[in-house]
C-alpha atoms as a PDB file:
ATOM      1  CA  MET A   1      44.666  -3.199 -17.147  1.00  0.00           C
ATOM      2  CA  GLY A   2      46.722  -5.280 -19.616  1.00  0.00           C
ATOM      3  CA  THR A   3      48.917  -3.023 -22.570  1.00  0.00           C
ATOM      4  CA  LYS A   4      47.639  -3.728 -25.758  1.00  0.00           C
ATOM      5  CA  THR A   5      50.525  -6.709 -26.239  1.00  0.00           C
ATOM      6  CA  GLU A   6      49.004  -8.881 -23.827  1.00  0.00           C
ATOM      7  CA  ARG A   7      46.471 -11.438 -25.437  1.00  0.00           C
ATOM      8  CA  GLN A   8      42.839 -11.731 -24.014  1.00  0.00           C
ATOM      9  CA  LYS A   9      42.588 -15.946 -23.998  1.00  0.00           C
ATOM     10  CA  LEU A  10      38.825 -15.981 -24.927  1.00  0.00           C
ATOM     11  CA  ASN A  11      38.977 -19.322 -26.237  1.00  0.00           C
ATOM     12  CA  ARG A  12      41.073 -22.958 -25.096  1.00  0.00           C
ATOM     13  CA  ILE A  13      40.411 -25.139 -28.830  1.00  0.00           C
ATOM     14  CA  LYS A  14      44.489 -25.172 -28.476  1.00  0.00           C
ATOM     15  CA  ALA A  15      43.711 -27.196 -25.483  1.00  0.00           C
ATOM     16  CA  VAL A  16      40.918 -28.760 -26.132  1.00  0.00           C
ATOM     17  CA  LEU A  17      42.774 -30.007 -29.233  1.00  0.00           C
ATOM     18  CA  ALA A  18      45.697 -31.563 -27.206  1.00  0.00           C
ATOM     19  CA  GLU A  19      43.350 -33.008 -24.947  1.00  0.00           C
ATOM     20  CA  THR A  20      41.893 -34.606 -27.494  1.00  0.00           C
ATOM     21  CA  GLY A  21      45.109 -36.314 -29.646  1.00  0.00           C
ATOM     22  CA  HIS A  22      44.462 -33.753 -32.712  1.00  0.00           C
ATOM     23  CA  THR A  23      46.653 -30.636 -34.527  1.00  0.00           C
ATOM     24  CA  GLY A  24      45.649 -28.111 -35.585  1.00  0.00           C
ATOM     25  CA  LYS A  25      45.849 -29.016 -39.208  1.00  0.00           C
ATOM     26  CA  TRP A  26      43.871 -31.397 -38.496  1.00  0.00           C
ATOM     27  CA  LEU A  27      41.311 -29.707 -37.460  1.00  0.00           C
ATOM     28  CA  ALA A  28      41.783 -26.772 -40.327  1.00  0.00           C
ATOM     29  CA  GLU A  29      41.501 -29.645 -42.686  1.00  0.00           C
ATOM     30  CA  GLN A  30      37.937 -30.396 -41.738  1.00  0.00           C
ATOM     31  CA  LEU A  31      36.776 -27.542 -41.170  1.00  0.00           C
ATOM     32  CA  GLY A  32      38.159 -26.485 -44.964  1.00  0.00           C
ATOM     33  CA  LYS A  33      40.106 -23.257 -43.183  1.00  0.00           C
ATOM     34  CA  ASP A  34      43.485 -21.898 -43.577  1.00  0.00           C
ATOM     35  CA  PRO A  35      45.766 -23.510 -41.454  1.00  0.00           C
ATOM     36  CA  VAL A  36      46.382 -20.062 -40.070  1.00  0.00           C
ATOM     37  CA  THR A  37      43.207 -19.358 -39.072  1.00  0.00           C
ATOM     38  CA  VAL A  38      43.247 -22.610 -36.953  1.00  0.00           C
ATOM     39  CA  SER A  39      46.149 -21.254 -35.794  1.00  0.00           C
ATOM     40  CA  LYS A  40      45.268 -17.798 -34.864  1.00  0.00           C
ATOM     41  CA  TRP A  41      42.629 -19.253 -32.868  1.00  0.00           C
ATOM     42  CA  CYS A  42      44.993 -21.444 -30.860  1.00  0.00           C
ATOM     43  CA  THR A  43      47.070 -18.037 -30.016  1.00  0.00           C
ATOM     44  CA  ASN A  44      43.929 -15.465 -29.724  1.00  0.00           C
ATOM     45  CA  THR A  45      44.699 -13.770 -32.124  1.00  0.00           C
ATOM     46  CA  SER A  46      40.856 -14.446 -33.461  1.00  0.00           C
ATOM     47  CA  GLN A  47      38.008 -15.503 -32.784  1.00  0.00           C
ATOM     48  CA  PRO A  48      35.677 -18.496 -34.681  1.00  0.00           C
ATOM     49  CA  ASP A  49      32.039 -17.214 -35.319  1.00  0.00           C
ATOM     50  CA  LEU A  50      30.024 -18.768 -32.321  1.00  0.00           C
ATOM     51  CA  TYR A  51      28.821 -20.914 -35.610  1.00  0.00           C
ATOM     52  CA  THR A  52      32.029 -22.335 -36.081  1.00  0.00           C
ATOM     53  CA  LEU A  53      32.914 -23.155 -32.560  1.00  0.00           C
ATOM     54  CA  ASN A  54      29.678 -25.192 -32.729  1.00  0.00           C
ATOM     55  CA  ASN A  55      31.579 -27.124 -35.528  1.00  0.00           C
ATOM     56  CA  ILE A  56      34.550 -27.325 -33.713  1.00  0.00           C
ATOM     57  CA  ALA A  57      32.961 -28.532 -30.278  1.00  0.00           C
ATOM     58  CA  LYS A  58      31.273 -31.088 -32.945  1.00  0.00           C
ATOM     59  CA  LEU A  59      34.574 -32.042 -34.205  1.00  0.00           C
ATOM     60  CA  LEU A  60      35.914 -32.753 -30.935  1.00  0.00           C
ATOM     61  CA  ASN A  61      32.674 -34.367 -29.275  1.00  0.00           C
ATOM     62  CA  THR A  62      32.643 -31.797 -26.858  1.00  0.00           C
ATOM     63  CA  GLU A  63      30.458 -28.783 -25.565  1.00  0.00           C
ATOM     64  CA  ASN A  64      30.781 -25.505 -26.605  1.00  0.00           C
ATOM     65  CA  ARG A  65      31.241 -24.130 -23.055  1.00  0.00           C
ATOM     66  CA  GLU A  66      34.204 -26.321 -22.905  1.00  0.00           C
ATOM     67  CA  LEU A  67      35.727 -24.485 -25.933  1.00  0.00           C
ATOM     68  CA  ILE A  68      35.298 -21.160 -24.203  1.00  0.00           C
ATOM     69  CA  CYS A  69      37.284 -19.732 -21.436  1.00  0.00           C
ATOM     70  CA  ASN A  70      36.181 -19.735 -17.724  1.00  0.00           C
ATOM     71  CA  TRP A  71      35.103 -15.709 -17.280  1.00  0.00           C
ATOM     72  CA  SER A  72      35.095 -16.120 -13.460  1.00  0.00           C
ATOM     73  CA  SER A  73      38.912 -17.043 -13.650  1.00  0.00           C
ATOM     74  CA  LEU A  74      39.913 -14.312 -15.268  1.00  0.00           C
END
């Protein structure tokens, strides 16, 4: 088991943003969210709710499952 300081990677938002050529700032503007909130999602400090995750997938033209880490690889 990891220490409290280790963050479990639950989402791939940062990776998918990079793959699609978008920035966290762009995503924040599209969603009407604070850029700090999106930054926390990208660093896995916090997670978006499922409704927001669905909106992120639509904006990035991908599927929800592409934004979630593969549990079998953890």
